[in-house]
Amino acid sequence: MSLEVSVIGATNVPNPETFGKSDPYAVLEFQGFRKKTEVKKGDLNPKWNETFEFQLA
């Protein structure tokens, strides 16, 4: 059995950079396992459309 999580996107990501824009990504953690989306360079409204699978114990 597994859990599927879809990361669609984000809007208005805060920009902590003094010069340029952030390079956002999303991190998912579940039962000690960690997954990460692709980095979206300079995009404060990133669209990932990525799906991750976690195995259930």
PDB file of N, CA and C in Angstrom:
ATOM      1  N   MET A   1       0.851  -1.172   0.000  1.00  0.00           N
ATOM      2  CA  MET A   1       0.000   0.000   0.000  1.00  0.00           C
ATOM      3  C   MET A   1       0.899   1.238   0.000  1.00  0.00           C
ATOM      4  N   SER A   2       0.452   2.278  -0.679  1.00  0.00           N
ATOM      5  CA  SER A   2       1.272   3.485  -0.762  1.00  0.00           C
ATOM      6  C   SER A   2       0.398   4.740  -0.724  1.00  0.00           C
ATOM      7  N   LEU A   3       1.057   5.852  -0.500  1.00  0.00           N
ATOM      8  CA  LEU A   3       0.417   7.165  -0.483  1.00  0.00           C
ATOM      9  C   LEU A   3       1.008   7.969  -1.626  1.00  0.00           C
ATOM     10  N   GLU A   4       0.152   8.506  -2.498  1.00  0.00           N
ATOM     11  CA  GLU A   4       0.607   9.368  -3.586  1.00  0.00           C
ATOM     12  C   GLU A   4       0.293  10.815  -3.247  1.00  0.00           C
ATOM     13  N   VAL A   5       1.287  11.681  -3.415  1.00  0.00           N
ATOM     14  CA  VAL A   5       1.126  13.107  -3.150  1.00  0.00           C
ATOM     15  C   VAL A   5       1.510  13.865  -4.415  1.00  0.00           C
ATOM     16  N   SER A   6       0.620  14.742  -4.874  1.00  0.00           N
ATOM     17  CA  SER A   6       0.908  15.567  -6.048  1.00  0.00           C
ATOM     18  C   SER A   6       1.195  16.995  -5.608  1.00  0.00           C
ATOM     19  N   VAL A   7       2.289  17.538  -6.103  1.00  0.00           N
ATOM     20  CA  VAL A   7       2.647  18.933  -5.848  1.00  0.00           C
ATOM     21  C   VAL A   7       2.376  19.677  -7.147  1.00  0.00           C
ATOM     22  N   ILE A   8       1.369  20.535  -7.130  1.00  0.00           N
ATOM     23  CA  ILE A   8       0.944  21.238  -8.336  1.00  0.00           C
ATOM     24  C   ILE A   8       1.769  22.504  -8.555  1.00  0.00           C
ATOM     25  N   GLY A   9       1.798  23.389  -7.563  1.00  0.00           N
ATOM     26  CA  GLY A   9       2.542  24.634  -7.713  1.00  0.00           C
ATOM     27  C   GLY A   9       2.388  25.520  -6.493  1.00  0.00           C
ATOM     28  N   ALA A  10       2.872  26.741  -6.623  1.00  0.00           N
ATOM     29  CA  ALA A  10       2.783  27.736  -5.553  1.00  0.00           C
ATOM     30  C   ALA A  10       2.611  29.110  -6.189  1.00  0.00           C
ATOM     31  N   THR A  11       2.069  30.045  -5.416  1.00  0.00           N
ATOM     32  CA  THR A  11       1.914  31.411  -5.912  1.00  0.00           C
ATOM     33  C   THR A  11       2.477  32.395  -4.904  1.00  0.00           C
ATOM     34  N   ASN A  12       3.031  33.472  -5.416  1.00  0.00           N
ATOM     35  CA  ASN A  12       3.571  34.555  -4.591  1.00  0.00           C
ATOM     36  C   ASN A  12       4.574  34.066  -3.549  1.00  0.00           C
ATOM     37  N   VAL A  13       5.538  33.269  -3.984  1.00  0.00           N
ATOM     38  CA  VAL A  13       6.586  32.780  -3.081  1.00  0.00           C
ATOM     39  C   VAL A  13       7.413  33.981  -2.618  1.00  0.00           C
ATOM     40  N   PRO A  14       7.636  34.132  -1.300  1.00  0.00           N
ATOM     41  CA  PRO A  14       8.448  35.252  -0.814  1.00  0.00           C
ATOM     42  C   PRO A  14       9.856  35.203  -1.413  1.00  0.00           C
ATOM     43  N   ASN A  15      10.415  36.370  -1.674  1.00  0.00           N
ATOM     44  CA  ASN A  15      11.746  36.459  -2.269  1.00  0.00           C
ATOM     45  C   ASN A  15      12.734  37.022  -1.249  1.00  0.00           C
ATOM     46  N   PRO A  16      13.510  36.150  -0.573  1.00  0.00           N
ATOM     47  CA  PRO A  16      14.468  36.633   0.421  1.00  0.00           C
ATOM     48  C   PRO A  16      15.759  37.174  -0.202  1.00  0.00           C
ATOM     49  N   GLU A  17      15.896  37.058  -1.506  1.00  0.00           N
ATOM     50  CA  GLU A  17      17.112  37.497  -2.189  1.00  0.00           C
ATOM     51  C   GLU A  17      17.166  39.022  -2.287  1.00  0.00           C
ATOM     52  N   THR A  18      18.342  39.589  -2.076  1.00  0.00           N
ATOM     53  CA  THR A  18      18.534  41.025  -2.246  1.00  0.00           C
ATOM     54  C   THR A  18      18.608  41.367  -3.733  1.00  0.00           C
ATOM     55  N   PHE A  19      19.299  40.514  -4.476  1.00  0.00           N
ATOM     56  CA  PHE A  19      19.431  40.691  -5.922  1.00  0.00           C
ATOM     57  C   PHE A  19      18.910  39.437  -6.600  1.00  0.00           C
ATOM     58  N   GLY A  20      18.126  39.592  -7.640  1.00  0.00           N
ATOM     59  CA  GLY A  20      17.591  38.436  -8.348  1.00  0.00           C
ATOM     60  C   GLY A  20      16.342  37.889  -7.684  1.00  0.00           C
ATOM     61  N   LYS A  21      15.983  36.675  -8.057  1.00  0.00           N
ATOM     62  CA  LYS A  21      14.783  36.032  -7.522  1.00  0.00           C
ATOM     63  C   LYS A  21      15.136  34.692  -6.895  1.00  0.00           C
ATOM     64  N   SER A  22      14.233  34.200  -6.066  1.00  0.00           N
ATOM     65  CA  SER A  22      14.405  32.898  -5.421  1.00  0.00           C
ATOM     66  C   SER A  22      14.365  31.770  -6.439  1.00  0.00           C
ATOM     67  N   ASP A  23      14.905  30.639  -6.042  1.00  0.00           N
ATOM     68  CA  ASP A  23      14.857  29.410  -6.832  1.00  0.00           C
ATOM     69  C   ASP A  23      14.089  28.378  -5.998  1.00  0.00           C
ATOM     70  N   PRO A  24      12.749  28.460  -5.988  1.00  0.00           N
ATOM     71  CA  PRO A  24      11.964  27.627  -5.077  1.00  0.00           C
ATOM     72  C   PRO A  24      11.894  26.152  -5.466  1.00  0.00           C
ATOM     73  N   TYR A  25      11.672  25.347  -4.431  1.00  0.00           N
ATOM     74  CA  TYR A  25      11.392  23.926  -4.573  1.00  0.00           C
ATOM     75  C   TYR A  25      10.557  23.531  -3.365  1.00  0.00           C
ATOM     76  N   ALA A  26       9.881  22.405  -3.452  1.00  0.00           N
ATOM     77  CA  ALA A  26       9.058  21.921  -2.343  1.00  0.00           C
ATOM     78  C   ALA A  26       9.689  20.659  -1.773  1.00  0.00           C
ATOM     79  N   VAL A  27       9.577  20.507  -0.455  1.00  0.00           N
ATOM     80  CA  VAL A  27      10.089  19.328   0.232  1.00  0.00           C
ATOM     81  C   VAL A  27       8.920  18.642   0.922  1.00  0.00           C
ATOM     82  N   LEU A  28       8.816  17.325   0.728  1.00  0.00           N
ATOM     83  CA  LEU A  28       7.783  16.529   1.384  1.00  0.00           C
ATOM     84  C   LEU A  28       8.470  15.538   2.308  1.00  0.00           C
ATOM     85  N   GLU A  29       7.974  15.419   3.528  1.00  0.00           N
ATOM     86  CA  GLU A  29       8.506  14.440   4.470  1.00  0.00           C
ATOM     87  C   GLU A  29       7.352  13.624   5.023  1.00  0.00           C
ATOM     88  N   PHE A  30       7.548  12.303   5.048  1.00  0.00           N
ATOM     89  CA  PHE A  30       6.515  11.408   5.558  1.00  0.00           C
ATOM     90  C   PHE A  30       7.189  10.186   6.152  1.00  0.00           C
ATOM     91  N   GLN A  31       6.925   9.919   7.408  1.00  0.00           N
ATOM     92  CA  GLN A  31       7.461   8.760   8.126  1.00  0.00           C
ATOM     93  C   GLN A  31       8.971   8.606   7.938  1.00  0.00           C
ATOM     94  N   GLY A  32       9.684   9.716   8.035  1.00  0.00           N
ATOM     95  CA  GLY A  32      11.138   9.682   7.947  1.00  0.00           C
ATOM     96  C   GLY A  32      11.703   9.681   6.532  1.00  0.00           C
ATOM     97  N   PHE A  33      10.847   9.656   5.525  1.00  0.00           N
ATOM     98  CA  PHE A  33      11.308   9.695   4.137  1.00  0.00           C
ATOM     99  C   PHE A  33      11.114  11.101   3.593  1.00  0.00           C
ATOM    100  N   ARG A  34      12.043  11.523   2.767  1.00  0.00           N
ATOM    101  CA  ARG A  34      12.039  12.893   2.253  1.00  0.00           C
ATOM    102  C   ARG A  34      12.112  12.870   0.727  1.00  0.00           C
ATOM    103  N   LYS A  35      11.273  13.676   0.104  1.00  0.00           N
ATOM    104  CA  LYS A  35      11.263  13.823  -1.359  1.00  0.00           C
ATOM    105  C   LYS A  35      11.309  15.314  -1.667  1.00  0.00           C
ATOM    106  N   LYS A  36      11.857  15.668  -2.828  1.00  0.00           N
ATOM    107  CA  LYS A  36      12.021  17.072  -3.197  1.00  0.00           C
ATOM    108  C   LYS A  36      11.658  17.268  -4.666  1.00  0.00           C
ATOM    109  N   THR A  37      10.968  18.364  -4.951  1.00  0.00           N
ATOM    110  CA  THR A  37      10.630  18.684  -6.335  1.00  0.00           C
ATOM    111  C   THR A  37      11.851  19.255  -7.052  1.00  0.00           C
ATOM    112  N   GLU A  38      11.693  19.434  -8.328  1.00  0.00           N
ATOM    113  CA  GLU A  38      12.690  20.113  -9.156  1.00  0.00           C
ATOM    114  C   GLU A  38      12.781  21.578  -8.717  1.00  0.00           C
ATOM    115  N   VAL A  39      13.960  22.161  -8.803  1.00  0.00           N
ATOM    116  CA  VAL A  39      14.154  23.583  -8.500  1.00  0.00           C
ATOM    117  C   VAL A  39      13.676  24.395  -9.703  1.00  0.00           C
ATOM    118  N   LYS A  40      12.880  25.437  -9.427  1.00  0.00           N
ATOM    119  CA  LYS A  40      12.399  26.329 -10.489  1.00  0.00           C
ATOM    120  C   LYS A  40      13.160  27.647 -10.381  1.00  0.00           C
ATOM    121  N   LYS A  41      14.163  27.805 -11.199  1.00  0.00           N
ATOM    122  CA  LYS A  41      15.054  28.974 -11.149  1.00  0.00           C
ATOM    123  C   LYS A  41      14.315  30.283 -11.422  1.00  0.00           C
ATOM    124  N   GLY A  42      14.427  31.225 -10.474  1.00  0.00           N
ATOM    125  CA  GLY A  42      13.909  32.576 -10.654  1.00  0.00           C
ATOM    126  C   GLY A  42      12.414  32.683 -10.852  1.00  0.00           C
ATOM    127  N   ASP A  43      11.644  31.708 -10.369  1.00  0.00           N
ATOM    128  CA  ASP A  43      10.193  31.691 -10.592  1.00  0.00           C
ATOM    129  C   ASP A  43       9.463  31.804  -9.257  1.00  0.00           C
ATOM    130  N   LEU A  44       8.781  32.925  -9.024  1.00  0.00           N
ATOM    131  CA  LEU A  44       8.067  33.126  -7.765  1.00  0.00           C
ATOM    132  C   LEU A  44       6.638  32.582  -7.811  1.00  0.00           C
ATOM    133  N   ASN A  45       6.249  32.006  -8.942  1.00  0.00           N
ATOM    134  CA  ASN A  45       4.953  31.340  -9.101  1.00  0.00           C
ATOM    135  C   ASN A  45       5.180  29.995  -9.795  1.00  0.00           C
ATOM    136  N   PRO A  46       5.958  29.116  -9.156  1.00  0.00           N
ATOM    137  CA  PRO A  46       6.363  27.873  -9.820  1.00  0.00           C
ATOM    138  C   PRO A  46       5.223  26.886 -10.025  1.00  0.00           C
ATOM    139  N   LYS A  47       5.317  26.136 -11.102  1.00  0.00           N
ATOM    140  CA  LYS A  47       4.403  25.029 -11.399  1.00  0.00           C
ATOM    141  C   LYS A  47       5.259  23.771 -11.488  1.00  0.00           C
ATOM    142  N   TRP A  48       5.008  22.811 -10.619  1.00  0.00           N
ATOM    143  CA  TRP A  48       5.790  21.579 -10.626  1.00  0.00           C
ATOM    144  C   TRP A  48       5.043  20.435 -11.307  1.00  0.00           C
ATOM    145  N   ASN A  49       3.794  20.230 -10.943  1.00  0.00           N
ATOM    146  CA  ASN A  49       3.017  19.103 -11.473  1.00  0.00           C
ATOM    147  C   ASN A  49       3.794  17.791 -11.351  1.00  0.00           C
ATOM    148  N   GLU A  50       4.312  17.540 -10.145  1.00  0.00           N
ATOM    149  CA  GLU A  50       5.072  16.319  -9.866  1.00  0.00           C
ATOM    150  C   GLU A  50       4.309  15.472  -8.855  1.00  0.00           C
ATOM    151  N   THR A  51       4.384  14.161  -9.011  1.00  0.00           N
ATOM    152  CA  THR A  51       3.729  13.237  -8.093  1.00  0.00           C
ATOM    153  C   THR A  51       4.784  12.362  -7.432  1.00  0.00           C
ATOM    154  N   PHE A  52       4.636  12.181  -6.123  1.00  0.00           N
ATOM    155  CA  PHE A  52       5.576  11.383  -5.341  1.00  0.00           C
ATOM    156  C   PHE A  52       4.824  10.258  -4.653  1.00  0.00           C
ATOM    157  N   GLU A  53       5.509   9.146  -4.467  1.00  0.00           N
ATOM    158  CA  GLU A  53       4.891   7.991  -3.823  1.00  0.00           C
ATOM    159  C   GLU A  53       5.680   7.624  -2.569  1.00  0.00           C
ATOM    160  N   PHE A  54       4.957   7.450  -1.476  1.00  0.00           N
ATOM    161  CA  PHE A  54       5.535   6.998  -0.216  1.00  0.00           C
ATOM    162  C   PHE A  54       4.927   5.638   0.116  1.00  0.00           C
ATOM    163  N   GLN A  55       5.766   4.689   0.469  1.00  0.00           N
ATOM    164  CA  GLN A  55       5.285   3.368   0.871  1.00  0.00           C
ATOM    165  C   GLN A  55       4.771   3.435   2.307  1.00  0.00           C
ATOM    166  N   LEU A  56       3.624   2.826   2.551  1.00  0.00           N
ATOM    167  CA  LEU A  56       3.050   2.789   3.891  1.00  0.00           C
ATOM    168  C   LEU A  56       3.531   1.532   4.603  1.00  0.00           C
ATOM    169  N   ALA A  57       3.894   1.709   5.860  1.00  0.00           N
ATOM    170  CA  ALA A  57       4.400   0.567   6.642  1.00  0.00           C
ATOM    171  C   ALA A  57       3.254  -0.291   7.141  1.00  0.00           C
TER     172      ALA A  57
END
